[in-house]
Protein backbone atom coordinates (compact mmCIF):
# COMPACT_ATOMS: atom_id res chain seq x y z
CA MET A 1 26.31 40.71 -15.57
CA ALA A 2 28.38 37.79 -14.06
CA ASP A 3 29.57 36.55 -10.78
CA GLY A 4 33.18 35.79 -9.89
CA ALA A 5 33.07 32.31 -11.23
CA GLY A 6 31.49 33.65 -14.77
CA ARG A 7 27.96 32.80 -14.37
CA PRO A 8 25.45 34.99 -15.74
CA GLN A 9 23.10 36.70 -13.43
CA GLY A 10 20.01 34.69 -14.95
CA GLU A 11 21.59 31.45 -14.04
CA ARG A 12 22.59 32.44 -10.43
CA ASP A 13 18.89 33.40 -9.96
CA ALA A 14 17.67 30.33 -11.33
CA GLN A 15 20.11 28.12 -9.09
CA ASP A 16 19.02 30.25 -5.91
CA ALA A 17 15.25 29.73 -6.65
CA ALA A 18 15.87 25.92 -7.51
CA LYS A 19 17.78 25.69 -3.74
CA ARG A 20 14.85 27.68 -2.14
CA SER A 21 12.33 25.21 -3.83
CA ILE A 22 14.36 22.28 -2.54
CA TRP A 23 14.27 23.81 0.88
CA ALA A 24 10.49 24.54 0.82
CA ARG A 25 9.84 21.03 -0.05
CA ALA A 26 11.98 19.47 2.50
CA ALA A 27 10.32 21.70 5.04
CA ARG A 28 6.79 20.47 3.72
CA PHE A 29 7.97 16.94 3.88
CA ALA A 30 9.33 17.43 7.42
CA LEU A 31 5.96 18.98 8.62
CA ALA A 32 4.34 16.04 7.27
CA PHE A 33 6.24 13.71 9.18
CA LEU A 34 5.96 15.71 12.29
CA ILE A 35 2.21 15.52 11.82
CA GLY A 36 2.30 12.01 11.14
CA ALA A 37 4.27 11.18 14.23
CA ILE A 38 1.74 13.22 16.20
CA GLY A 39 -1.30 11.21 14.92
CA ALA A 40 0.52 7.88 15.48
CA VAL A 41 1.23 8.80 19.10
CA ILE A 42 -2.39 9.76 19.70
CA PHE A 43 -3.35 6.28 18.14
CA VAL A 44 -1.09 4.56 20.51
CA TYR A 45 -2.34 6.34 23.43
CA PHE A 46 -5.99 5.56 22.72
CA HIS A 47 -5.11 1.89 21.83
CA LEU A 48 -6.45 2.14 18.31
CA PRO A 49 -5.77 -0.55 15.58
CA LEU A 50 -2.50 -0.29 13.55
CA PRO A 51 -1.59 2.87 15.51
CA TRP A 52 1.68 3.87 13.72
CA TYR A 53 0.27 3.36 10.21
CA LEU A 54 -3.17 4.38 10.66
CA GLY A 55 -2.47 7.32 13.10
CA ALA A 56 -0.20 9.00 10.55
CA LEU A 57 -2.50 8.45 7.83
CA THR A 58 -5.64 9.85 9.65
CA ALA A 59 -3.68 13.18 10.98
CA CYS A 60 -1.99 13.61 7.18
CA LEU A 61 -5.36 12.99 5.86
CA ILE A 62 -7.06 15.67 7.86
CA ALA A 63 -4.23 18.21 7.38
CA SER A 64 -4.12 17.60 3.64
CA VAL A 65 -8.11 18.27 3.66
CA LEU A 66 -7.43 21.26 5.61
CA HIS A 67 -4.89 22.44 3.07
CA ALA A 68 -1.95 22.29 5.52
CA PRO A 69 1.37 23.12 3.90
CA ILE A 70 2.55 19.44 3.63
CA GLU A 71 3.69 17.60 0.65
CA ARG A 72 3.68 13.83 -0.20
CA PRO A 73 7.51 12.62 0.30
CA ARG A 74 7.71 10.60 -2.90
CA PRO A 75 11.60 10.10 -2.76
CA LEU A 76 11.11 8.31 0.64
CA GLY A 77 8.36 6.18 -0.99
CA GLY A 78 10.40 3.45 -2.24
CA PRO A 79 12.84 2.86 0.61
CA LEU A 80 9.96 2.73 3.30
CA ARG A 81 8.14 0.21 1.00
CA ALA A 82 11.28 -1.86 0.76
CA THR A 83 11.70 -1.80 4.49
CA LEU A 84 8.38 -3.16 5.22
CA GLY A 85 8.70 -5.79 2.52
CA VAL A 86 11.96 -7.05 4.21
CA ALA A 87 9.84 -7.00 7.54
CA VAL A 88 6.92 -9.09 6.10
CA GLY A 89 9.54 -11.47 4.28
CA SER A 90 11.05 -12.05 7.64
CA ALA A 91 7.85 -13.70 8.70
CA PHE A 92 8.20 -16.75 6.36
CA THR A 93 9.72 -19.96 7.89
CA PRO A 94 10.77 -23.08 6.54
CA ALA A 95 7.35 -24.49 7.43
CA ILE A 96 6.06 -22.20 4.61
CA LEU A 97 7.07 -24.83 2.02
CA ASP A 98 4.93 -27.69 3.51
CA GLN A 99 1.77 -25.22 3.27
CA VAL A 100 2.20 -24.21 -0.40
CA GLY A 101 -0.02 -27.24 -1.55
CA ALA A 102 -2.71 -26.68 0.76
CA MET A 103 -2.94 -22.81 -0.52
CA THR A 104 -3.57 -24.03 -3.86
CA VAL A 105 -7.46 -24.17 -3.81
CA SER A 106 -7.63 -20.46 -2.36
CA LEU A 107 -5.08 -19.20 -4.74
CA VAL A 108 -7.04 -20.80 -7.73
CA ILE A 109 -10.37 -19.09 -6.21
CA LEU A 110 -8.52 -15.63 -6.63
CA VAL A 111 -9.04 -15.49 -10.15
CA PRO A 112 -12.81 -15.90 -10.49
CA PHE A 113 -13.00 -13.52 -7.32
CA MET A 114 -10.94 -10.91 -8.81
CA ILE A 115 -13.08 -11.02 -12.13
CA LEU A 116 -15.98 -10.85 -9.94
CA ILE A 117 -15.35 -7.70 -7.67
CA THR A 118 -13.71 -5.75 -10.92
CA THR A 119 -17.03 -6.52 -12.87
CA THR A 120 -19.28 -5.59 -9.84
CA SER A 121 -17.23 -2.10 -9.41
CA MET A 122 -17.24 -1.17 -12.79
CA THR A 123 -20.95 -1.80 -13.25
CA PHE A 124 -21.38 0.25 -10.06
CA TYR A 125 -19.20 3.08 -11.31
CA ARG A 126 -20.89 3.02 -15.05
CA ARG A 127 -24.46 2.82 -13.84
CA PHE A 128 -24.57 4.62 -10.73
CA ALA A 129 -21.86 7.27 -10.76
CA GLY A 130 -21.89 7.66 -14.38
CA PHE A 131 -18.06 7.31 -14.99
CA ASP A 132 -16.98 6.70 -18.59
CA ARG A 133 -15.85 3.05 -19.42
CA PRO A 134 -12.06 3.72 -19.01
CA THR A 135 -12.56 5.67 -15.92
CA ALA A 136 -14.94 3.08 -14.54
CA PHE A 137 -12.66 0.29 -15.43
CA PHE A 138 -9.34 1.82 -13.89
CA SER A 139 -11.34 2.82 -10.94
CA ALA A 140 -12.73 -0.68 -10.51
CA VAL A 141 -9.51 -2.75 -10.71
CA PRO A 142 -8.42 -3.34 -7.02
CA GLY A 143 -4.84 -3.16 -6.98
CA GLY A 144 -1.51 -1.92 -8.63
CA LEU A 145 -2.47 1.94 -8.06
CA THR A 146 0.67 3.22 -9.62
CA ASP A 147 0.18 1.15 -12.84
CA MET A 148 -3.66 1.66 -12.96
CA THR A 149 -2.88 5.39 -12.66
CA ALA A 150 -0.68 5.34 -15.83
CA MET A 151 -2.58 3.24 -17.79
CA ALA A 152 -5.64 5.40 -16.98
CA GLU A 153 -4.02 8.52 -18.42
CA ALA A 154 -2.84 6.77 -21.56
CA SER A 155 -6.42 5.42 -22.18
CA GLY A 156 -7.91 8.95 -21.81
CA ALA A 157 -9.73 8.18 -18.48
CA ASN A 158 -9.96 10.75 -15.71
CA GLN A 159 -6.75 10.36 -13.76
CA ARG A 160 -7.60 12.34 -10.79
CA THR A 161 -10.72 10.53 -10.40
CA VAL A 162 -8.94 7.15 -10.50
CA ILE A 163 -6.62 8.29 -7.83
CA LEU A 164 -9.05 9.57 -5.38
CA VAL A 165 -11.43 6.36 -5.77
CA GLN A 166 -8.60 4.10 -5.58
CA ALA A 167 -7.33 5.60 -2.37
CA THR A 168 -10.69 6.10 -0.90
CA ARG A 169 -11.23 2.31 -1.31
CA ILE A 170 -7.64 1.58 0.31
CA VAL A 171 -8.32 3.79 3.07
CA LEU A 172 -11.74 2.66 3.85
CA ILE A 173 -10.74 -1.08 3.81
CA VAL A 174 -7.46 -0.43 5.77
CA PHE A 175 -9.41 1.10 8.29
CA ALA A 176 -12.45 -1.42 8.51
CA VAL A 177 -10.27 -4.62 8.49
CA PRO A 178 -8.28 -3.84 11.71
CA LEU A 179 -11.32 -2.41 13.55
CA TRP A 180 -13.70 -5.20 12.67
CA LEU A 181 -10.93 -7.73 13.83
CA GLN A 182 -10.31 -5.97 17.09
CA VAL A 183 -13.91 -5.29 17.86
CA HIS A 184 -15.31 -8.84 16.63
CA ASP A 185 -12.45 -11.12 17.08
CA GLY A 186 -10.78 -9.37 19.82
CA LEU A 187 -7.20 -9.42 18.14
CA ALA A 188 -4.77 -6.72 19.49
CA ALA A 189 -4.47 -4.96 16.25
CA ALA A 190 -3.58 -1.83 18.73
CA THR A 191 -0.26 -3.46 19.77
CA PRO A 192 2.34 -0.62 19.17
CA PHE A 193 5.32 -2.88 18.66
CA ALA A 194 5.22 -5.98 16.17
CA SER A 195 8.94 -7.04 16.31
CA PRO A 196 10.63 -8.13 19.41
CA VAL A 197 14.33 -6.96 18.24
CA ARG A 198 15.30 -3.44 19.04
CA LEU A 199 18.09 -1.62 17.05
CA SER A 200 20.54 -1.80 19.91
CA GLN A 201 20.36 -5.37 19.86
CA SER A 202 21.02 -5.82 16.10
CA SER A 203 24.56 -6.12 14.97
CA PHE A 204 26.46 -4.28 12.05
CA ALA A 205 26.05 -7.72 10.08
CA ASP A 206 22.43 -7.84 10.75
CA ILE A 207 22.01 -4.30 9.33
CA ALA A 208 23.96 -5.06 6.40
CA THR A 209 21.81 -8.20 5.54
CA LEU A 210 18.49 -6.38 5.84
CA ILE A 211 19.99 -3.54 3.42
CA ALA A 212 21.32 -6.20 1.07
CA MET A 213 17.99 -8.02 1.02
CA ALA A 214 15.90 -4.85 0.44
CA ALA A 215 18.62 -3.47 -2.26
CA ALA A 216 18.79 -6.85 -4.21
CA GLY A 217 15.17 -7.40 -4.22
CA TRP A 218 14.07 -3.78 -5.23
CA GLY A 219 16.80 -3.87 -7.98
CA ILE A 220 15.80 -7.28 -9.48
CA ALA A 221 12.14 -6.41 -9.30
CA HIS A 222 12.74 -3.09 -11.06
CA ARG A 223 14.73 -4.59 -13.61
CA LEU A 224 12.14 -7.21 -14.45
CA GLY A 225 9.55 -4.51 -14.69
CA LEU A 226 7.38 -5.96 -11.75
CA ALA A 227 4.66 -4.00 -10.30
CA GLY A 228 5.05 -2.56 -6.91
CA ALA A 229 8.84 -3.52 -7.10
CA PRO A 230 9.92 -1.44 -4.03
CA ILE A 231 7.79 -3.82 -1.78
CA VAL A 232 7.53 -6.90 -4.05
CA GLY A 233 11.06 -7.46 -4.60
CA PRO A 234 12.40 -7.14 -0.92
CA MET A 235 9.48 -9.27 0.27
CA VAL A 236 10.17 -12.12 -2.12
CA VAL A 237 14.01 -11.92 -1.35
CA SER A 238 13.70 -11.72 2.53
CA GLY A 239 10.74 -14.47 2.34
CA ALA A 240 13.04 -16.68 0.37
CA ALA A 241 15.99 -16.37 2.43
CA HIS A 242 14.05 -16.82 5.66
CA ALA A 243 11.90 -19.78 4.24
CA LEU A 244 14.90 -21.47 3.10
CA GLY A 245 16.80 -21.11 6.44
CA PHE A 246 19.61 -18.75 5.18
CA THR A 247 18.94 -16.20 7.84
CA THR A 248 16.87 -15.35 10.89
CA VAL A 249 17.54 -11.87 11.14
CA ARG A 250 14.63 -9.47 11.92
CA LEU A 251 13.78 -5.76 11.27
CA PRO A 252 14.49 -3.75 14.54
CA VAL A 253 11.16 -2.07 15.81
CA GLU A 254 12.57 1.31 15.57
CA LEU A 255 12.82 1.02 11.79
CA LEU A 256 9.34 -0.80 11.34
CA VAL A 257 7.83 1.76 13.26
CA LEU A 258 9.38 4.60 11.10
CA ALA A 259 8.58 2.78 7.81
CA GLN A 260 4.84 2.45 9.05
CA ILE A 261 4.59 6.21 9.69
CA GLY A 262 6.12 6.96 6.49
CA VAL A 263 3.82 4.99 4.48
CA GLY A 264 0.98 6.42 6.56
CA VAL A 265 2.14 9.75 5.63
CA LEU A 266 2.37 8.98 1.83
CA LEU A 267 -0.95 7.85 1.58
CA GLY A 268 -2.73 10.73 4.06
CA CYS A 269 -0.84 13.35 1.92
CA GLN A 270 -2.30 11.80 -1.40
CA PHE A 271 -5.63 13.93 -0.77
CA ARG A 272 -3.85 17.16 -0.54
CA GLY A 273 -5.96 19.75 -2.43
CA LEU A 274 -9.07 17.83 -2.14
CA THR A 275 -12.27 19.94 -2.86
CA LEU A 276 -15.80 19.42 -1.60
CA LYS A 277 -17.13 18.98 -5.13
CA GLU A 278 -14.62 16.01 -5.54
CA PHE A 279 -15.45 14.69 -2.37
CA THR A 280 -19.33 14.54 -3.01
CA HIS A 281 -19.17 13.65 -6.71
CA THR A 282 -16.14 11.27 -6.41
CA MET A 283 -15.06 10.00 -3.16
CA VAL A 284 -18.59 9.26 -2.07
CA TRP A 285 -18.88 6.78 -4.86
CA GLY A 286 -15.57 5.21 -3.86
CA ILE A 287 -16.95 4.60 -0.27
CA LEU A 288 -19.94 3.21 -1.33
CA ASN A 289 -18.44 0.96 -3.71
CA ALA A 290 -15.87 -0.11 -0.83
CA VAL A 291 -18.82 -1.09 1.19
CA VAL A 292 -20.25 -3.35 -1.32
CA LEU A 293 -17.01 -4.88 -2.01
CA LEU A 294 -16.27 -5.60 1.59
CA SER A 295 -19.88 -7.28 1.73
CA VAL A 296 -18.99 -9.67 -1.63
CA THR A 297 -15.69 -10.26 0.14
CA ALA A 298 -17.31 -11.52 3.52
CA VAL A 299 -19.22 -13.92 1.90
CA VAL A 300 -16.20 -15.28 -0.20
CA VAL A 301 -14.12 -15.37 2.93
CA LEU A 302 -16.73 -17.62 4.84
CA LEU A 303 -16.81 -19.86 1.72
CA VAL A 304 -12.87 -20.21 1.29
CA SER A 305 -12.24 -20.77 4.87
CA LYS A 306 -15.08 -23.70 5.02
CA TRP A 307 -13.41 -25.22 1.63
CA THR A 308 -9.86 -24.87 2.50
CA GLY A 309 -9.58 -25.03 6.44
CA PHE A 310 -7.54 -21.81 6.56
CA ASP A 311 -8.86 -19.60 9.35
CA GLN A 312 -11.35 -16.50 8.55
CA VAL A 313 -8.98 -13.80 9.96
CA SER A 314 -5.91 -14.74 7.47
CA VAL A 315 -8.52 -15.51 4.57
CA LEU A 316 -10.22 -12.06 5.23
CA MET A 317 -6.46 -10.31 4.90
CA ALA A 318 -5.49 -12.50 1.86
CA PHE A 319 -9.04 -11.51 0.09
CA ALA A 320 -9.72 -8.27 1.34
CA PRO A 321 -9.33 -5.60 -1.97
CA GLY A 322 -7.21 -3.04 0.16
CA GLY A 323 -3.67 -2.06 -0.35
CA GLN A 324 -1.04 -4.95 -0.50
CA THR A 325 1.39 -3.20 1.49
CA GLU A 326 -1.30 -2.38 4.32
CA LEU A 327 -2.70 -5.82 4.66
CA ASN A 328 0.58 -7.38 4.55
CA LEU A 329 1.56 -5.00 7.40
CA LEU A 330 -1.55 -5.83 9.30
CA ALA A 331 -0.93 -9.61 9.07
CA PHE A 332 2.59 -9.00 10.19
CA VAL A 333 1.54 -6.93 13.25
CA LEU A 334 -1.17 -9.17 14.13
CA GLY A 335 1.18 -12.27 14.06
CA VAL A 336 -1.40 -14.24 11.79
CA ASP A 337 -0.38 -16.48 8.67
CA VAL A 338 1.75 -13.88 6.90
CA ALA A 339 3.00 -16.28 4.24
CA TYR A 340 -0.48 -16.98 3.45
CA VAL A 341 -1.58 -13.36 3.04
CA ALA A 342 1.41 -12.19 1.43
CA LEU A 343 1.35 -15.01 -1.36
CA HIS A 344 -2.45 -14.26 -1.98
CA HIS A 345 -1.60 -10.43 -2.38
CA LEU A 346 1.34 -11.24 -4.63
CA ALA A 347 -1.01 -13.43 -6.75
CA ARG A 348 -3.78 -10.75 -6.79
CA LEU A 349 -1.19 -8.30 -8.14
CA ALA A 350 0.05 -10.14 -10.98
CA ILE A 351 -3.62 -10.98 -11.91
CA VAL A 352 -4.54 -7.34 -11.62
CA ILE A 353 -1.62 -6.06 -13.78
CA LEU A 354 -1.86 -8.97 -16.48
CA GLY A 355 -5.73 -8.40 -16.68
CA ALA A 356 -5.54 -4.66 -16.94
CA GLN A 357 -2.82 -4.84 -19.40
CA LEU A 358 -4.94 -7.26 -21.40
CA VAL A 359 -7.90 -4.95 -21.36
CA PHE A 360 -5.77 -1.86 -22.01
CA THR A 361 -4.09 -3.26 -25.15
CA THR A 362 -7.45 -4.81 -26.77
CA GLN A 363 -9.55 -1.68 -26.16
CA LYS A 364 -7.97 0.58 -28.69
CA GLY A 365 -11.16 2.79 -28.42
CA TRP A 366 -10.24 3.95 -25.14
CA ARG A 367 -7.12 5.69 -26.16
CA PRO A 368 -7.43 9.57 -26.91
């Protein structure tokens, strides 16, 4: 049978099913954002650190573990990270050009530091967790989660293990750093608003400039095949524009809050479907390894701060092996040396991707 437009019944049924699937996914996305927003408001109320981001992450993580009908809103991941990239880049000022030389020593130290923590983590996963070589390696490399996951699958590693271990490391470090800074250093990481600009104060030209920097940066980074293109590209373009004095436009606080909640939702929903076995056999190792990494990082931070003269808070956020998006965001919220932190995380990402690619292409035996 066919409808009035001459379409077969089977085709109509397939299209109807596709529409229902789209609406069902949209409903799961909306519920995830609602849960994330509630968690963010709770964090703001109790003056907890990085409330919009960590509140949303915590609420969605709990909901995911409890098998709530939510889903990771992947299509929004790029735009949300691009928004944060523009915000972080806006913290660059013309003064940054005078500081680049002073950063050389700590940027050079990044290379042996990355080798140290990667080797330490890989040894830990091989000797204590019993991971096979490719799974241990891609679980150990601190950064570039999307790229690590793709290479892990091609090398025959356990992709689910890599995702869980990497996500566990990011979550634990992202929680530990702001809590430590708030308790030990008294920094107001619980400040709910990090931008003095309101949407009502932004002109059409301001919004157009922000969109143009985000789109241009993302597009260029994607065309060049750069890792983390959605945040790296906009951050570099925005940073260059602000550092060279071409613009002083800032991201309105409303958009910054929305982006923080969204990125928190994305990471929290990544644990959907987690089983007790995966927690006891996989995530526990990720937690223990993150503690080891934080201990190693603490020693390196003290040495780098002493050798370079940069304050320990900036060095900690620059060297902490957490997520680039999250640590740049924390630096932006706290108002510390964002340029120092961002440049080190860009360098770390480059080291990670190039190093992992080198190992991946030379270790032929890892591939299935």
